[in-house]
N, C-alpha and C. Protein backbone atom coordinates (compact mmCIF):
# COMPACT_ATOMS: atom_id res chain seq x y z
N MET A 1 202.33 -117.10 -26.84
CA MET A 1 201.28 -116.63 -25.96
C MET A 1 200.54 -115.42 -26.45
N ALA A 2 199.26 -115.58 -26.62
CA ALA A 2 198.39 -114.50 -27.23
C ALA A 2 198.30 -113.32 -26.35
N ASN A 3 198.26 -112.10 -27.04
CA ASN A 3 198.09 -110.83 -26.23
C ASN A 3 196.64 -110.71 -25.82
N GLU A 4 196.47 -110.51 -24.62
CA GLU A 4 195.13 -110.39 -24.11
C GLU A 4 194.91 -108.94 -23.77
N GLU A 5 193.79 -108.38 -24.33
CA GLU A 5 193.49 -106.92 -23.99
C GLU A 5 192.61 -106.90 -22.79
N VAL A 6 193.11 -106.04 -21.88
CA VAL A 6 192.29 -105.84 -20.66
C VAL A 6 191.50 -104.59 -20.87
N VAL A 7 190.19 -104.69 -20.79
CA VAL A 7 189.27 -103.55 -21.03
C VAL A 7 188.88 -103.02 -19.68
N ASP A 8 189.20 -101.75 -19.49
CA ASP A 8 188.71 -101.03 -18.26
C ASP A 8 187.35 -100.34 -18.58
N HIS A 9 186.38 -101.05 -18.31
CA HIS A 9 184.92 -100.50 -18.57
C HIS A 9 184.66 -99.17 -17.93
N GLY A 10 185.05 -99.07 -16.73
CA GLY A 10 184.87 -97.78 -15.97
C GLY A 10 185.58 -96.61 -16.64
N ARG A 11 186.76 -96.80 -17.11
CA ARG A 11 187.51 -95.74 -17.78
C ARG A 11 186.89 -95.42 -19.10
N ARG A 12 186.45 -96.41 -19.81
CA ARG A 12 185.72 -96.20 -21.11
C ARG A 12 184.44 -95.35 -20.91
N ARG A 13 183.65 -95.69 -19.90
CA ARG A 13 182.44 -94.93 -19.61
C ARG A 13 182.82 -93.40 -19.29
N PHE A 14 183.83 -93.25 -18.45
CA PHE A 14 184.26 -91.94 -18.12
C PHE A 14 184.65 -91.18 -19.35
N LEU A 15 185.51 -91.69 -20.21
CA LEU A 15 186.00 -91.01 -21.49
C LEU A 15 184.83 -90.73 -22.43
N THR A 16 183.87 -91.75 -22.46
CA THR A 16 182.72 -91.40 -23.32
C THR A 16 181.86 -90.33 -22.83
N ALA A 17 181.62 -90.27 -21.51
CA ALA A 17 180.85 -89.27 -20.98
C ALA A 17 181.49 -87.93 -21.01
N THR A 18 182.82 -87.92 -20.82
CA THR A 18 183.57 -86.62 -20.87
C THR A 18 183.50 -86.10 -22.32
N THR A 19 183.66 -86.98 -23.23
CA THR A 19 183.66 -86.51 -24.68
C THR A 19 182.22 -85.93 -25.01
N ALA A 20 181.29 -86.61 -24.53
CA ALA A 20 179.95 -86.18 -24.86
C ALA A 20 179.65 -84.83 -24.20
N VAL A 21 180.03 -84.64 -22.97
CA VAL A 21 179.85 -83.29 -22.27
C VAL A 21 180.66 -82.24 -23.02
N VAL A 22 181.91 -82.50 -23.34
CA VAL A 22 182.74 -81.40 -23.95
C VAL A 22 182.13 -81.22 -25.30
N GLY A 23 181.77 -82.15 -26.10
CA GLY A 23 181.16 -81.99 -27.43
C GLY A 23 179.83 -81.15 -27.29
N GLY A 24 179.08 -81.61 -26.26
CA GLY A 24 177.75 -80.80 -26.13
C GLY A 24 178.01 -79.31 -25.79
N ALA A 25 179.00 -79.15 -24.91
CA ALA A 25 179.35 -77.66 -24.55
C ALA A 25 179.81 -76.96 -25.87
N GLY A 26 180.60 -77.63 -26.64
CA GLY A 26 181.03 -76.95 -27.91
C GLY A 26 179.96 -76.62 -28.84
N VAL A 27 178.89 -77.53 -28.93
CA VAL A 27 177.75 -77.21 -29.75
C VAL A 27 177.01 -76.08 -29.17
N ILE A 28 176.82 -76.04 -27.91
CA ILE A 28 176.00 -74.92 -27.27
C ILE A 28 176.85 -73.62 -27.51
N ALA A 29 178.13 -73.67 -27.27
CA ALA A 29 178.94 -72.53 -27.47
C ALA A 29 178.92 -71.89 -28.89
N ALA A 30 178.70 -72.84 -29.86
CA ALA A 30 178.64 -72.42 -31.19
C ALA A 30 177.15 -71.98 -31.59
N VAL A 31 176.16 -72.47 -30.95
CA VAL A 31 174.76 -72.23 -31.37
C VAL A 31 174.26 -70.93 -30.69
N VAL A 32 174.72 -70.71 -29.47
CA VAL A 32 174.20 -69.54 -28.71
C VAL A 32 174.46 -68.19 -29.43
N PRO A 33 175.72 -67.93 -29.85
CA PRO A 33 176.02 -66.75 -30.56
C PRO A 33 175.24 -66.69 -31.93
N PHE A 34 175.08 -67.83 -32.56
CA PHE A 34 174.32 -67.85 -33.80
C PHE A 34 172.89 -67.37 -33.60
N ILE A 35 172.18 -67.90 -32.54
CA ILE A 35 170.90 -67.53 -32.19
C ILE A 35 170.77 -66.12 -31.79
N LYS A 36 171.77 -65.75 -30.95
CA LYS A 36 171.72 -64.34 -30.48
C LYS A 36 171.92 -63.34 -31.70
N SER A 37 172.55 -63.82 -32.75
CA SER A 37 172.72 -62.93 -33.83
C SER A 37 171.36 -62.56 -34.56
N TRP A 38 170.37 -63.32 -34.30
CA TRP A 38 169.01 -63.11 -34.89
C TRP A 38 168.29 -61.94 -34.09
N GLU A 39 168.73 -61.84 -32.90
CA GLU A 39 168.01 -60.72 -32.14
C GLU A 39 168.45 -59.32 -32.54
N PRO A 40 167.69 -58.24 -32.38
CA PRO A 40 168.07 -56.96 -32.77
C PRO A 40 169.18 -56.56 -31.76
N SER A 41 170.15 -55.73 -32.17
CA SER A 41 171.16 -55.27 -31.27
C SER A 41 170.55 -54.30 -30.22
N ALA A 42 171.33 -54.12 -29.15
CA ALA A 42 170.87 -53.02 -28.19
C ALA A 42 170.78 -51.71 -28.84
N ARG A 43 171.60 -51.48 -29.71
CA ARG A 43 171.54 -50.14 -30.44
C ARG A 43 170.27 -50.05 -31.28
N ALA A 44 170.03 -51.14 -31.96
CA ALA A 44 168.64 -51.14 -32.79
C ALA A 44 167.44 -51.08 -31.84
N LYS A 45 167.48 -51.74 -30.68
CA LYS A 45 166.34 -51.68 -29.78
C LYS A 45 166.11 -50.28 -29.24
N ALA A 46 167.42 -49.68 -28.99
CA ALA A 46 167.24 -48.26 -28.38
C ALA A 46 166.85 -47.33 -29.40
N ALA A 47 167.14 -47.59 -30.71
CA ALA A 47 166.75 -46.62 -31.77
C ALA A 47 165.26 -46.48 -31.97
N GLY A 48 164.47 -47.49 -31.62
CA GLY A 48 163.08 -47.40 -31.86
C GLY A 48 162.28 -47.48 -30.56
N ALA A 49 162.87 -47.73 -29.51
CA ALA A 49 162.13 -47.94 -28.33
C ALA A 49 161.62 -46.69 -27.64
N PRO A 50 160.37 -46.82 -27.19
CA PRO A 50 159.84 -45.63 -26.44
C PRO A 50 160.60 -45.30 -25.21
N VAL A 51 160.52 -44.09 -24.78
CA VAL A 51 161.22 -43.67 -23.56
C VAL A 51 160.27 -43.13 -22.52
N THR A 52 160.35 -43.54 -21.37
CA THR A 52 159.51 -42.97 -20.26
C THR A 52 160.32 -42.00 -19.44
N VAL A 53 159.75 -40.77 -19.33
CA VAL A 53 160.51 -39.72 -18.59
C VAL A 53 159.70 -39.29 -17.46
N ASP A 54 160.31 -38.84 -16.30
CA ASP A 54 159.66 -38.28 -15.20
C ASP A 54 159.65 -36.72 -15.34
N ILE A 55 158.49 -36.16 -15.28
CA ILE A 55 158.37 -34.69 -15.46
C ILE A 55 158.02 -34.06 -14.07
N SER A 56 158.05 -34.83 -13.06
CA SER A 56 157.53 -34.25 -11.82
C SER A 56 158.42 -33.09 -11.27
N ALA A 57 159.65 -33.24 -11.60
CA ALA A 57 160.60 -32.09 -11.06
C ALA A 57 160.78 -30.95 -12.00
N ILE A 58 160.05 -30.98 -13.21
CA ILE A 58 160.25 -29.72 -14.09
C ILE A 58 159.37 -28.62 -13.58
N GLU A 59 159.99 -27.59 -13.26
CA GLU A 59 159.34 -26.39 -12.64
C GLU A 59 158.59 -25.62 -13.79
N ALA A 60 157.70 -24.85 -13.35
CA ALA A 60 156.84 -23.95 -14.30
C ALA A 60 157.88 -23.01 -14.93
N GLY A 61 157.81 -22.99 -16.34
CA GLY A 61 158.69 -22.09 -17.07
C GLY A 61 160.06 -22.69 -17.43
N GLN A 62 160.18 -24.01 -17.06
CA GLN A 62 161.50 -24.73 -17.30
C GLN A 62 161.41 -25.75 -18.44
N LYS A 63 162.52 -25.91 -19.10
CA LYS A 63 162.69 -26.92 -20.26
C LYS A 63 163.66 -27.93 -19.77
N VAL A 64 163.31 -29.18 -20.04
CA VAL A 64 164.25 -30.33 -19.83
C VAL A 64 164.32 -31.04 -21.14
N THR A 65 165.63 -31.53 -21.50
CA THR A 65 165.77 -32.28 -22.68
C THR A 65 166.03 -33.73 -22.40
N PHE A 66 165.24 -34.51 -23.10
CA PHE A 66 165.41 -36.02 -23.00
C PHE A 66 165.86 -36.55 -24.39
N ALA A 67 166.46 -37.75 -24.42
CA ALA A 67 166.87 -38.33 -25.71
C ALA A 67 165.91 -39.45 -26.06
N TRP A 68 165.46 -39.42 -27.42
CA TRP A 68 164.65 -40.49 -27.97
C TRP A 68 165.01 -40.72 -29.34
N ARG A 69 165.35 -41.94 -29.72
CA ARG A 69 165.77 -42.27 -31.07
C ARG A 69 167.06 -41.42 -31.54
N SER A 70 167.88 -40.99 -30.53
CA SER A 70 169.06 -40.36 -30.78
C SER A 70 168.72 -38.81 -31.10
N LEU A 71 167.53 -38.46 -30.70
CA LEU A 71 167.03 -37.04 -31.03
C LEU A 71 166.91 -36.33 -29.61
N PRO A 72 167.13 -35.07 -29.57
CA PRO A 72 166.77 -34.22 -28.36
C PRO A 72 165.26 -33.95 -28.38
N VAL A 73 164.56 -34.28 -27.26
CA VAL A 73 163.16 -33.95 -27.11
C VAL A 73 163.03 -32.95 -26.02
N PHE A 74 162.49 -31.75 -26.33
CA PHE A 74 162.29 -30.78 -25.28
C PHE A 74 160.98 -30.94 -24.72
N VAL A 75 160.85 -30.98 -23.35
CA VAL A 75 159.72 -31.02 -22.58
C VAL A 75 159.66 -29.69 -21.79
N VAL A 76 158.73 -28.87 -21.99
CA VAL A 76 158.54 -27.54 -21.37
C VAL A 76 157.29 -27.49 -20.62
N ASN A 77 157.47 -27.06 -19.35
CA ASN A 77 156.26 -26.80 -18.45
C ASN A 77 156.03 -25.22 -18.57
N ARG A 78 155.00 -24.93 -19.40
CA ARG A 78 154.72 -23.60 -19.68
C ARG A 78 153.89 -22.92 -18.57
N THR A 79 154.16 -21.69 -18.34
CA THR A 79 153.46 -20.92 -17.33
C THR A 79 152.17 -20.41 -17.94
N THR A 80 151.20 -19.93 -17.05
CA THR A 80 150.01 -19.28 -17.54
C THR A 80 150.28 -18.07 -18.41
N ASP A 81 151.29 -17.25 -17.99
CA ASP A 81 151.67 -16.10 -18.78
C ASP A 81 152.17 -16.48 -20.18
N GLN A 82 152.97 -17.59 -20.15
CA GLN A 82 153.59 -17.96 -21.44
C GLN A 82 152.47 -18.47 -22.44
N LEU A 83 151.51 -19.20 -21.89
CA LEU A 83 150.38 -19.68 -22.70
C LEU A 83 149.53 -18.55 -23.22
N ALA A 84 149.47 -17.56 -22.39
CA ALA A 84 148.57 -16.33 -22.75
C ALA A 84 149.14 -15.63 -23.90
N GLN A 85 150.50 -15.69 -24.16
CA GLN A 85 151.17 -14.98 -25.24
C GLN A 85 150.91 -15.62 -26.63
N LEU A 86 150.52 -16.88 -26.60
CA LEU A 86 150.48 -17.65 -27.81
C LEU A 86 149.45 -17.11 -28.86
N LYS A 87 148.28 -16.70 -28.35
CA LYS A 87 147.16 -16.23 -29.27
C LYS A 87 147.61 -14.99 -30.09
N GLY A 88 148.19 -14.02 -29.43
CA GLY A 88 148.63 -12.83 -30.08
C GLY A 88 149.68 -12.93 -31.18
N LEU A 89 150.36 -14.04 -31.24
CA LEU A 89 151.49 -14.28 -32.20
C LEU A 89 151.01 -14.70 -33.52
N ASP A 90 149.85 -15.18 -33.70
CA ASP A 90 149.38 -15.75 -34.98
C ASP A 90 149.83 -14.94 -36.27
N PRO A 91 149.64 -13.59 -36.33
CA PRO A 91 149.93 -12.86 -37.53
C PRO A 91 151.47 -12.96 -37.84
N ARG A 92 152.31 -13.25 -36.89
CA ARG A 92 153.79 -13.22 -37.11
C ARG A 92 154.30 -14.61 -37.46
N LEU A 93 153.39 -15.66 -37.47
CA LEU A 93 153.80 -17.06 -37.65
C LEU A 93 153.54 -17.53 -39.02
N LEU A 94 154.44 -18.44 -39.53
CA LEU A 94 154.25 -19.09 -40.85
C LEU A 94 153.13 -20.01 -40.90
N ASP A 95 152.92 -20.84 -39.82
CA ASP A 95 151.91 -21.86 -39.84
C ASP A 95 151.19 -21.81 -38.48
N PRO A 96 150.44 -20.77 -38.16
CA PRO A 96 149.97 -20.67 -36.70
C PRO A 96 148.91 -21.70 -36.36
N SER A 97 148.16 -22.27 -37.36
CA SER A 97 147.23 -23.33 -37.01
C SER A 97 147.73 -24.71 -37.14
N SER A 98 149.06 -24.83 -37.34
CA SER A 98 149.66 -26.15 -37.44
C SER A 98 148.98 -27.03 -38.61
N SER A 99 148.83 -26.41 -39.75
CA SER A 99 148.09 -27.11 -40.84
C SER A 99 149.02 -28.18 -41.44
N ASP A 100 150.34 -28.12 -41.36
CA ASP A 100 151.20 -29.06 -41.88
C ASP A 100 151.05 -30.33 -40.94
N THR A 101 150.29 -31.24 -41.40
CA THR A 101 150.01 -32.43 -40.50
C THR A 101 151.19 -33.39 -40.34
N GLY A 102 152.19 -33.19 -41.05
CA GLY A 102 153.41 -34.01 -40.92
C GLY A 102 154.26 -33.52 -39.71
N GLN A 103 153.93 -32.44 -39.09
CA GLN A 103 154.70 -31.93 -38.03
C GLN A 103 154.27 -32.28 -36.59
N GLN A 104 153.03 -32.81 -36.56
CA GLN A 104 152.53 -33.14 -35.20
C GLN A 104 151.41 -34.23 -35.36
N PRO A 105 151.17 -35.01 -34.37
CA PRO A 105 150.08 -35.97 -34.42
C PRO A 105 148.75 -35.17 -34.31
N LYS A 106 147.69 -35.86 -34.72
CA LYS A 106 146.37 -35.20 -34.74
C LYS A 106 145.99 -34.54 -33.40
N TYR A 107 146.29 -35.29 -32.34
CA TYR A 107 146.01 -34.86 -30.96
C TYR A 107 146.76 -33.58 -30.51
N ALA A 108 147.79 -33.27 -31.25
CA ALA A 108 148.52 -32.04 -31.00
C ALA A 108 148.35 -30.93 -32.01
N THR A 109 147.31 -31.16 -32.88
CA THR A 109 146.96 -30.07 -33.78
C THR A 109 145.99 -29.16 -33.14
N ASN A 110 146.47 -28.31 -32.33
CA ASN A 110 145.56 -27.42 -31.58
C ASN A 110 146.39 -26.09 -31.28
N PRO A 111 145.85 -25.09 -30.73
CA PRO A 111 146.62 -23.89 -30.47
C PRO A 111 147.84 -24.07 -29.66
N THR A 112 147.85 -25.00 -28.69
CA THR A 112 149.08 -25.18 -27.81
C THR A 112 150.02 -26.29 -28.35
N ARG A 113 149.52 -27.01 -29.34
CA ARG A 113 150.31 -28.12 -29.93
C ARG A 113 150.60 -29.18 -28.99
N SER A 114 149.70 -29.56 -28.06
CA SER A 114 150.00 -30.46 -26.95
C SER A 114 148.68 -31.17 -26.48
N ILE A 115 148.93 -32.18 -25.72
CA ILE A 115 147.85 -32.90 -25.12
C ILE A 115 147.27 -32.10 -23.89
N LYS A 116 148.15 -31.69 -23.06
CA LYS A 116 147.76 -30.81 -21.89
C LYS A 116 148.42 -29.45 -22.16
N PRO A 117 147.64 -28.33 -22.04
CA PRO A 117 148.17 -27.01 -22.51
C PRO A 117 149.45 -26.61 -21.87
N GLU A 118 149.71 -26.94 -20.67
CA GLU A 118 150.89 -26.44 -20.03
C GLU A 118 152.19 -27.30 -20.46
N TRP A 119 152.00 -28.50 -21.03
CA TRP A 119 153.09 -29.27 -21.34
C TRP A 119 153.44 -29.31 -22.81
N LEU A 120 154.51 -28.69 -23.22
CA LEU A 120 155.00 -28.83 -24.67
C LEU A 120 156.03 -29.97 -24.78
N VAL A 121 155.76 -30.82 -25.81
CA VAL A 121 156.83 -31.88 -26.15
C VAL A 121 157.14 -31.78 -27.59
N VAL A 122 158.33 -31.32 -27.91
CA VAL A 122 158.81 -31.14 -29.34
C VAL A 122 160.13 -31.75 -29.58
N ILE A 123 160.42 -32.10 -30.77
CA ILE A 123 161.79 -32.55 -31.09
C ILE A 123 162.65 -31.25 -31.23
N GLY A 124 163.75 -31.18 -30.51
CA GLY A 124 164.46 -29.96 -30.46
C GLY A 124 165.55 -29.88 -31.52
N LEU A 125 165.06 -29.91 -32.78
CA LEU A 125 165.95 -29.67 -33.99
C LEU A 125 165.29 -28.69 -34.87
N CYS A 126 166.02 -27.64 -35.22
CA CYS A 126 165.53 -26.73 -36.15
C CYS A 126 165.12 -27.31 -37.47
N THR A 127 164.06 -26.94 -38.02
CA THR A 127 163.61 -27.52 -39.28
C THR A 127 164.28 -26.93 -40.58
N HIS A 128 165.20 -26.12 -40.25
CA HIS A 128 166.04 -25.59 -41.36
C HIS A 128 167.22 -26.50 -41.73
N LEU A 129 168.18 -26.60 -40.82
CA LEU A 129 169.32 -27.52 -41.06
C LEU A 129 169.63 -28.42 -39.88
N GLY A 130 168.77 -28.50 -38.95
CA GLY A 130 168.91 -29.46 -37.81
C GLY A 130 169.66 -28.97 -36.68
N CYS A 131 169.98 -27.74 -36.59
CA CYS A 131 170.70 -27.26 -35.32
C CYS A 131 169.74 -27.33 -34.14
N VAL A 132 170.28 -27.38 -32.93
CA VAL A 132 169.47 -27.35 -31.71
C VAL A 132 169.21 -25.97 -31.23
N PRO A 133 167.95 -25.47 -31.22
CA PRO A 133 167.65 -24.18 -30.87
C PRO A 133 167.80 -23.97 -29.36
N ASP A 134 168.08 -22.68 -28.98
CA ASP A 134 168.20 -22.26 -27.58
C ASP A 134 166.85 -22.05 -27.08
N PHE A 135 166.57 -22.40 -25.75
CA PHE A 135 165.33 -22.03 -25.10
C PHE A 135 165.42 -20.62 -24.56
N VAL A 136 164.65 -19.71 -24.96
CA VAL A 136 164.63 -18.31 -24.51
C VAL A 136 163.29 -18.05 -24.00
N PRO A 137 162.96 -18.34 -22.72
CA PRO A 137 161.55 -18.33 -22.23
C PRO A 137 161.07 -16.95 -21.82
N ASP A 138 161.99 -16.09 -21.48
CA ASP A 138 161.44 -14.78 -20.92
C ASP A 138 160.74 -13.94 -21.85
N ILE A 139 159.71 -13.34 -21.34
CA ILE A 139 158.87 -12.42 -22.20
C ILE A 139 159.41 -11.05 -22.07
N LYS A 140 160.37 -10.78 -22.89
CA LYS A 140 161.14 -9.47 -22.85
C LYS A 140 161.87 -9.28 -24.25
N PRO A 141 162.16 -7.96 -24.53
CA PRO A 141 162.93 -7.78 -25.82
C PRO A 141 164.23 -8.43 -25.74
N GLU A 142 164.60 -9.02 -26.93
CA GLU A 142 165.78 -9.76 -27.12
C GLU A 142 166.53 -9.05 -28.35
N PRO A 143 167.87 -9.22 -28.47
CA PRO A 143 168.55 -8.57 -29.61
C PRO A 143 168.03 -9.08 -30.97
N PHE A 144 167.48 -10.35 -31.06
CA PHE A 144 166.98 -10.88 -32.31
C PHE A 144 165.52 -10.59 -32.46
N ASP A 145 164.82 -10.01 -31.45
CA ASP A 145 163.37 -9.73 -31.58
C ASP A 145 162.91 -8.76 -30.52
N ALA A 146 162.64 -7.58 -30.83
CA ALA A 146 162.22 -6.52 -29.80
C ALA A 146 160.90 -6.89 -29.18
N ASN A 147 160.07 -7.68 -29.80
CA ASN A 147 158.74 -8.03 -29.23
C ASN A 147 158.71 -9.52 -28.84
N TRP A 148 159.82 -10.09 -28.33
CA TRP A 148 159.98 -11.43 -27.96
C TRP A 148 158.97 -11.79 -26.88
N LYS A 149 158.25 -12.88 -27.04
CA LYS A 149 157.22 -13.37 -26.09
C LYS A 149 157.57 -14.72 -25.57
N GLY A 150 158.87 -15.07 -25.75
CA GLY A 150 159.29 -16.39 -25.22
C GLY A 150 159.23 -17.41 -26.36
N GLY A 151 160.18 -18.38 -26.34
CA GLY A 151 160.21 -19.41 -27.31
C GLY A 151 161.62 -19.96 -27.52
N PHE A 152 161.93 -20.34 -28.82
CA PHE A 152 163.20 -20.92 -29.22
C PHE A 152 163.93 -20.15 -30.23
N PHE A 153 165.23 -19.93 -30.13
CA PHE A 153 165.97 -19.19 -31.13
C PHE A 153 167.13 -20.11 -31.47
N CYS A 154 167.19 -20.36 -32.89
CA CYS A 154 168.28 -21.12 -33.48
C CYS A 154 169.51 -20.27 -33.66
N PRO A 155 170.61 -20.44 -32.98
CA PRO A 155 171.84 -19.64 -33.16
C PRO A 155 172.48 -19.83 -34.41
N CYS A 156 172.19 -20.89 -35.11
CA CYS A 156 172.88 -21.14 -36.42
C CYS A 156 172.56 -20.15 -37.51
N HIS A 157 171.25 -20.01 -37.77
CA HIS A 157 170.80 -19.17 -38.88
C HIS A 157 169.57 -18.20 -38.50
N LYS A 158 169.42 -18.13 -37.13
CA LYS A 158 168.45 -17.18 -36.55
C LYS A 158 166.98 -17.37 -36.79
N SER A 159 166.64 -18.67 -36.93
CA SER A 159 165.22 -19.01 -36.99
C SER A 159 164.67 -18.86 -35.62
N ARG A 160 163.34 -18.57 -35.55
CA ARG A 160 162.74 -18.39 -34.24
C ARG A 160 161.39 -19.22 -34.23
N TYR A 161 161.05 -19.66 -33.03
CA TYR A 161 159.82 -20.42 -32.82
C TYR A 161 159.24 -19.92 -31.53
N ASP A 162 157.91 -19.94 -31.46
CA ASP A 162 157.18 -19.42 -30.25
C ASP A 162 157.19 -20.64 -29.25
N LEU A 163 156.56 -20.46 -28.16
CA LEU A 163 156.45 -21.46 -27.02
C LEU A 163 155.51 -22.64 -27.33
N ALA A 164 154.96 -22.73 -28.60
CA ALA A 164 154.23 -23.95 -28.98
C ALA A 164 155.08 -24.54 -30.15
N GLY A 165 156.28 -24.08 -30.35
CA GLY A 165 157.16 -24.67 -31.40
C GLY A 165 156.73 -24.23 -32.81
N ARG A 166 155.96 -23.13 -32.96
CA ARG A 166 155.52 -22.71 -34.23
C ARG A 166 156.51 -21.64 -34.81
N VAL A 167 156.87 -21.85 -36.04
CA VAL A 167 157.98 -21.10 -36.61
C VAL A 167 157.44 -19.65 -37.11
N PHE A 168 158.33 -18.69 -36.89
CA PHE A 168 158.01 -17.34 -37.29
C PHE A 168 158.11 -17.22 -38.84
N SER A 169 157.41 -16.22 -39.41
CA SER A 169 157.54 -15.87 -40.87
C SER A 169 158.90 -15.14 -41.02
N GLY A 170 159.42 -15.34 -42.22
CA GLY A 170 160.67 -14.51 -42.68
C GLY A 170 161.99 -15.05 -42.03
N VAL A 171 161.99 -16.34 -41.59
CA VAL A 171 163.13 -16.97 -41.11
C VAL A 171 163.48 -18.15 -41.95
N PRO A 172 164.78 -18.65 -41.90
CA PRO A 172 165.07 -19.72 -42.88
C PRO A 172 164.25 -21.09 -42.60
N ALA A 173 163.88 -21.30 -41.37
CA ALA A 173 163.19 -22.58 -41.07
C ALA A 173 161.84 -22.59 -41.77
N PRO A 174 161.54 -23.66 -42.41
CA PRO A 174 160.27 -23.73 -43.27
C PRO A 174 159.09 -24.29 -42.53
N LYS A 175 159.32 -24.95 -41.40
CA LYS A 175 158.23 -25.64 -40.72
C LYS A 175 158.32 -25.45 -39.19
N ASN A 176 157.21 -25.70 -38.54
CA ASN A 176 157.17 -25.75 -36.99
C ASN A 176 158.06 -26.92 -36.57
N LEU A 177 158.44 -26.75 -35.26
CA LEU A 177 159.18 -27.90 -34.69
C LEU A 177 158.28 -29.11 -34.68
N ALA A 178 158.83 -30.27 -34.81
CA ALA A 178 158.02 -31.56 -34.89
C ALA A 178 157.64 -31.98 -33.51
N VAL A 179 156.38 -32.44 -33.38
CA VAL A 179 155.91 -33.06 -32.09
C VAL A 179 155.97 -34.56 -32.32
N PRO A 180 156.68 -35.29 -31.37
CA PRO A 180 156.75 -36.71 -31.54
C PRO A 180 155.52 -37.34 -31.00
N PRO A 181 155.35 -38.61 -31.29
CA PRO A 181 154.19 -39.38 -30.60
C PRO A 181 154.55 -39.43 -29.11
N TYR A 182 153.51 -39.19 -28.28
CA TYR A 182 153.74 -39.24 -26.83
C TYR A 182 152.34 -39.38 -26.13
N HIS A 183 152.42 -39.79 -24.91
CA HIS A 183 151.27 -39.79 -24.09
C HIS A 183 151.61 -39.69 -22.58
N PHE A 184 150.69 -39.38 -21.73
CA PHE A 184 150.84 -39.23 -20.32
C PHE A 184 150.50 -40.63 -19.74
N ILE A 185 151.50 -41.19 -19.01
CA ILE A 185 151.16 -42.40 -18.24
C ILE A 185 150.45 -42.05 -16.97
N ASP A 186 150.92 -40.99 -16.27
CA ASP A 186 150.19 -40.41 -15.23
C ASP A 186 150.53 -38.96 -15.09
N ASP A 187 150.24 -38.31 -13.93
CA ASP A 187 150.61 -36.86 -13.91
C ASP A 187 152.06 -36.58 -13.87
N SER A 188 152.84 -37.50 -13.60
CA SER A 188 154.35 -37.43 -13.44
C SER A 188 155.20 -37.98 -14.47
N HIS A 189 154.56 -38.70 -15.39
CA HIS A 189 155.37 -39.46 -16.39
C HIS A 189 154.79 -39.32 -17.83
N ILE A 190 155.66 -39.12 -18.82
CA ILE A 190 155.32 -39.12 -20.12
C ILE A 190 156.19 -40.23 -20.84
N GLN A 191 155.43 -40.94 -21.80
CA GLN A 191 156.17 -41.92 -22.64
C GLN A 191 156.21 -41.33 -23.94
N ILE A 192 157.48 -41.18 -24.42
CA ILE A 192 157.83 -40.54 -25.76
C ILE A 192 158.01 -41.67 -26.76
N GLY A 193 157.25 -41.62 -27.82
CA GLY A 193 157.34 -42.66 -28.89
C GLY A 193 156.14 -43.53 -29.00
N VAL A 194 155.05 -43.31 -28.19
CA VAL A 194 153.89 -44.09 -28.30
C VAL A 194 152.70 -43.09 -28.16
N ASP A 195 151.80 -43.25 -29.13
CA ASP A 195 150.60 -42.42 -29.18
C ASP A 195 149.64 -42.83 -27.99
N PRO A 196 148.78 -41.97 -27.60
CA PRO A 196 147.84 -42.29 -26.53
C PRO A 196 146.90 -43.59 -26.92
N LYS A 197 146.52 -43.63 -28.19
CA LYS A 197 145.68 -44.76 -28.56
C LYS A 197 146.37 -46.07 -28.57
N GLU A 198 147.66 -46.10 -28.78
CA GLU A 198 148.50 -47.25 -28.74
C GLU A 198 148.76 -47.73 -27.35
N ALA A 199 148.89 -46.74 -26.42
CA ALA A 199 149.10 -47.04 -24.98
C ALA A 199 148.01 -47.76 -24.33
N GLY A 200 146.75 -47.61 -24.73
CA GLY A 200 145.59 -48.18 -24.11
C GLY A 200 145.59 -49.66 -24.24
């Protein structure tokens, strides 16, 4: 008596479909991470991405620090009195006219080193060895300068900068504080990392 094979077509279709689905899922599971690996990491995106900051709560005379490209960026709302002190400091400064074009964009090469006079935006790293300077805004004698008119003082090696980020003569720092690319989105927001011409 010959063996007769009984074929269960329904079961065969079920097994074929299940194998196809599981195989397809396996292919997708292998391909997705591979494709994702082509994208820049979140860290890489953050490293170069512009940052939008809200400046509406920064009071006159106050400094707030924001992070951009892992750098501290000082945003200072300068008072009228603080701005008035800037002109008289020129003889004491190493580069009062900001002639070193590598330290600021063209639109910030002016006496206030800014787009709007009251708003200073600088990278908060001393140009000597990269320490973070202290913000010393008061116009009064200080132990490090009897004629202090407000600005930044680096506690590491005693470099000093005025309230436009311009370096004083006779200190270790060789250059003014750097001004990053930035623009005003509106009266309350600045985008750090994008020049005004690129924002349009």
